[in-house]
Amino acid sequence: MYSADNTAYDLSLFDERMKSKSTARHNNVLRMATIRKARIQRRSAALNITVVTIIAVFLSLQIFSFTELNEVSNDLNKVKKQYEDVQNDGKRLSLDAEKKIDLANIENIAENQYFMQKAENYQIEYISLLGKDHSVVSDNKDVVAKLKNMAGGLYRRLDAMFEYLR
C-alpha cells in the first residue's frame, strides 16, 4: 500500500480522540453561529420596532394635522356664514332705509298717518322782494300804523282760511 507519489493522509479522521475534539469544535462553531444569528435577529427586530414606531409617530402626526385642518376649516366656514349673514343684514337694512326715504313712502305716511294734503294752486301765494332787505322800527306813538298792520295781517289770514275752506 505504499505509494510513491507523495500523498499525505489525514489519519486523525479515524482517531477516536480526535473525533471528540472535532465534535466539540464543531459544536462550538454551531453555537457561535446560533449566537451570531440570535444577535442579528435581535438587531433586525430592534430595527423593525424602530421603523414601525417612526411610521406610527408620522401617521399619528398626519392624523393630528388633518384633524386640526378640519377644525380650522369648520371655524372658517362658520365665520364665512356669519360674514354673509352680516352682509345680507346690511343689504336688508339699506333697502329698508331707502324705502323709508322714498318720496312716495314719505307722501303716503304724510297723507295717511298725519292726514296732510297737498297744497292746491289757490293756496300758494308767491311774493317777490324787489328792494333790499330792510327793517322798520315803529314808534309807540304810531298806534294807527300798528292797527293798520294788524288789520292787514288779520285780513290776509282770514282770506287764506276762506280759500282753504272752499
Protein backbone atom coordinates (compact mmCIF):
# COMPACT_ATOMS: atom_id res chain seq x y z
CA MET A 1 0.00 0.00 0.00
CA TYR A 2 2.80 2.20 -0.20
CA SER A 3 2.63 4.75 -2.94
CA ALA A 4 5.47 6.62 -4.46
CA ASP A 5 3.54 9.74 -5.25
CA ASN A 6 3.92 11.76 -2.05
CA THR A 7 0.32 11.59 -0.98
CA ALA A 8 -0.41 12.56 2.59
CA TYR A 9 -3.26 11.12 4.54
CA ASP A 10 -5.09 12.70 7.46
CA LEU A 11 -5.37 9.83 9.85
CA SER A 12 -6.91 11.99 12.54
CA LEU A 13 -10.25 11.40 10.93
CA PHE A 14 -10.08 7.83 12.06
CA ASP A 15 -8.79 8.52 15.55
CA GLU A 16 -11.48 8.48 18.27
CA ARG A 17 -9.73 11.08 20.37
CA MET A 18 -9.67 13.48 17.53
CA LYS A 19 -13.28 12.80 16.73
CA SER A 20 -14.39 14.01 20.17
CA LYS A 21 -12.28 17.18 19.84
CA SER A 22 -13.60 17.74 16.36
CA THR A 23 -17.20 17.29 17.51
CA ALA A 24 -16.67 19.77 20.35
CA ARG A 25 -15.12 22.20 17.93
CA HIS A 26 -17.99 21.64 15.54
CA ASN A 27 -20.48 22.26 18.41
CA ASN A 28 -18.60 25.45 19.31
CA VAL A 29 -18.87 26.66 15.71
CA LEU A 30 -22.58 25.83 15.66
CA ARG A 31 -23.14 27.58 18.99
CA MET A 32 -21.28 30.68 17.79
CA ALA A 33 -23.33 30.68 14.61
CA THR A 34 -26.60 30.48 16.57
CA ILE A 35 -25.40 33.24 18.91
CA ARG A 36 -24.49 35.36 15.90
CA LYS A 37 -27.86 34.55 14.30
CA ALA A 38 -29.70 35.49 17.51
CA ARG A 39 -27.74 38.75 17.70
CA ILE A 40 -28.62 39.54 14.09
CA GLN A 41 -32.28 38.69 14.74
CA ARG A 42 -32.33 40.96 17.81
CA ARG A 43 -30.80 43.78 15.80
CA SER A 44 -33.28 43.33 12.96
CA ALA A 45 -36.17 43.11 15.47
CA ALA A 46 -34.99 46.33 17.14
CA LEU A 47 -34.63 47.95 13.73
CA ASN A 48 -38.12 46.78 12.73
CA ILE A 49 -39.59 48.10 16.01
CA THR A 50 -37.83 51.45 15.47
CA VAL A 51 -39.12 51.71 11.90
CA VAL A 52 -42.67 50.78 12.97
CA THR A 53 -42.51 53.32 15.82
CA ILE A 54 -41.32 56.08 13.48
CA ILE A 55 -44.07 55.22 10.98
CA ALA A 56 -46.67 55.21 13.78
CA VAL A 57 -45.46 58.62 15.00
CA PHE A 58 -45.62 60.08 11.48
CA LEU A 59 -49.10 58.63 10.93
CA SER A 60 -50.34 59.99 14.25
CA LEU A 61 -48.88 63.43 13.40
CA GLN A 62 -50.56 63.25 10.00
CA ILE A 63 -53.91 62.37 11.59
CA PHE A 64 -53.47 65.17 14.13
CA SER A 65 -52.68 67.71 11.40
CA PHE A 66 -55.71 66.59 9.36
CA THR A 67 -57.88 66.96 12.47
CA GLU A 68 -56.55 70.45 13.12
CA LEU A 69 -57.05 71.37 9.46
CA ASN A 70 -60.63 70.10 9.64
CA GLU A 71 -61.35 72.14 12.78
CA VAL A 72 -59.85 75.29 11.26
CA SER A 73 -61.87 74.72 8.07
CA ASN A 74 -65.06 74.36 10.10
CA ASP A 75 -64.28 77.55 12.02
CA LEU A 76 -63.57 79.35 8.74
CA ASN A 77 -66.89 78.17 7.29
CA LYS A 78 -68.73 79.42 10.40
CA VAL A 79 -67.05 82.83 10.12
CA LYS A 80 -67.86 82.99 6.38
CA LYS A 81 -71.51 82.21 7.13
CA GLN A 82 -71.60 84.90 9.82
CA TYR A 83 -70.00 87.35 7.36
CA GLU A 84 -72.60 86.51 4.72
CA ASP A 85 -75.38 86.95 7.31
CA VAL A 86 -73.99 90.36 8.28
CA GLN A 87 -73.75 91.36 4.61
CA ASN A 88 -77.33 90.25 4.00
CA ASP A 89 -78.49 92.17 7.09
CA GLY A 90 -76.61 95.25 5.83
CA LYS A 91 -78.28 94.99 2.43
CA ARG A 92 -81.69 94.48 4.04
CA LEU A 93 -81.19 97.49 6.34
CA SER A 94 -80.03 99.71 3.48
CA LEU A 95 -83.09 98.68 1.47
CA ASP A 96 -85.29 99.46 4.47
CA ALA A 97 -83.60 102.86 4.81
CA GLU A 98 -84.08 103.58 1.10
CA LYS A 99 -87.68 102.50 1.41
CA LYS A 100 -88.21 104.88 4.30
CA ILE A 101 -86.51 107.72 2.41
CA ASP A 102 -88.50 107.06 -0.75
CA LEU A 103 -90.64 110.13 -1.55
CA ALA A 104 -93.73 108.08 -2.34
CA ASN A 105 -93.44 106.41 1.06
CA ILE A 106 -93.00 109.78 2.78
CA GLU A 107 -96.02 111.14 0.92
CA ASN A 108 -98.05 108.06 1.91
CA ILE A 109 -97.11 108.46 5.60
CA ALA A 110 -97.89 112.20 5.49
CA GLU A 111 -101.34 111.63 3.99
CA ASN A 112 -102.39 108.54 5.97
CA GLN A 113 -100.68 108.96 9.32
CA TYR A 114 -100.61 112.75 9.70
CA PHE A 115 -103.66 113.50 7.50
CA MET A 116 -101.77 116.07 5.45
CA GLN A 117 -102.89 117.20 1.99
CA LYS A 118 -101.07 118.65 -0.95
CA ALA A 119 -101.38 122.38 -1.33
CA GLU A 120 -103.78 123.46 -4.08
CA ASN A 121 -102.85 126.21 -6.53
CA TYR A 122 -105.14 128.73 -4.90
CA GLN A 123 -103.41 128.12 -1.56
CA ILE A 124 -99.99 129.02 -2.91
CA GLU A 125 -99.03 132.66 -2.59
CA TYR A 126 -95.94 133.97 -4.32
CA ILE A 127 -94.16 137.06 -3.07
CA SER A 128 -91.36 138.99 -4.61
CA LEU A 129 -88.82 141.17 -2.93
CA LEU A 130 -87.65 143.74 -5.37
CA GLY A 131 -85.88 146.03 -2.97
CA LYS A 132 -83.18 145.49 -0.48
CA ASP A 133 -83.88 143.78 2.78
CA HIS A 134 -84.73 146.35 5.38
CA SER A 135 -86.46 146.62 8.70
CA VAL A 136 -88.86 149.19 10.04
CA VAL A 137 -88.90 150.17 13.66
CA SER A 138 -92.22 151.59 14.66
CA ASP A 139 -92.62 154.06 17.41
CA ASN A 140 -95.13 153.58 20.18
CA LYS A 141 -96.63 156.87 19.05
CA ASP A 142 -97.71 155.44 15.74
CA VAL A 143 -100.67 153.42 17.02
CA VAL A 144 -102.62 153.93 13.82
CA ALA A 145 -99.88 152.24 11.76
CA LYS A 146 -99.86 149.34 14.17
CA LEU A 147 -103.59 148.89 13.91
CA LYS A 148 -103.41 149.05 10.13
CA ASN A 149 -100.67 146.44 10.11
CA MET A 150 -102.64 144.15 12.43
CA ALA A 151 -105.82 144.58 10.39
CA GLY A 152 -103.95 143.81 7.15
CA GLY A 153 -102.45 140.66 8.66
CA LEU A 154 -105.83 139.55 10.02
CA TYR A 155 -107.41 140.16 6.63
CA ARG A 156 -104.75 138.07 4.86
CA ARG A 157 -105.17 135.22 7.31
CA LEU A 158 -108.96 135.22 7.06
CA ASP A 159 -108.72 135.34 3.28
CA ALA A 160 -106.33 132.35 3.26
CA MET A 161 -108.66 130.44 5.61
CA PHE A 162 -111.68 131.06 3.38
CA GLU A 163 -109.68 129.97 0.33
CA TYR A 164 -108.75 126.78 2.15
CA LEU A 165 -112.35 126.02 3.10
CA ARG A 166 -113.63 126.34 -0.46
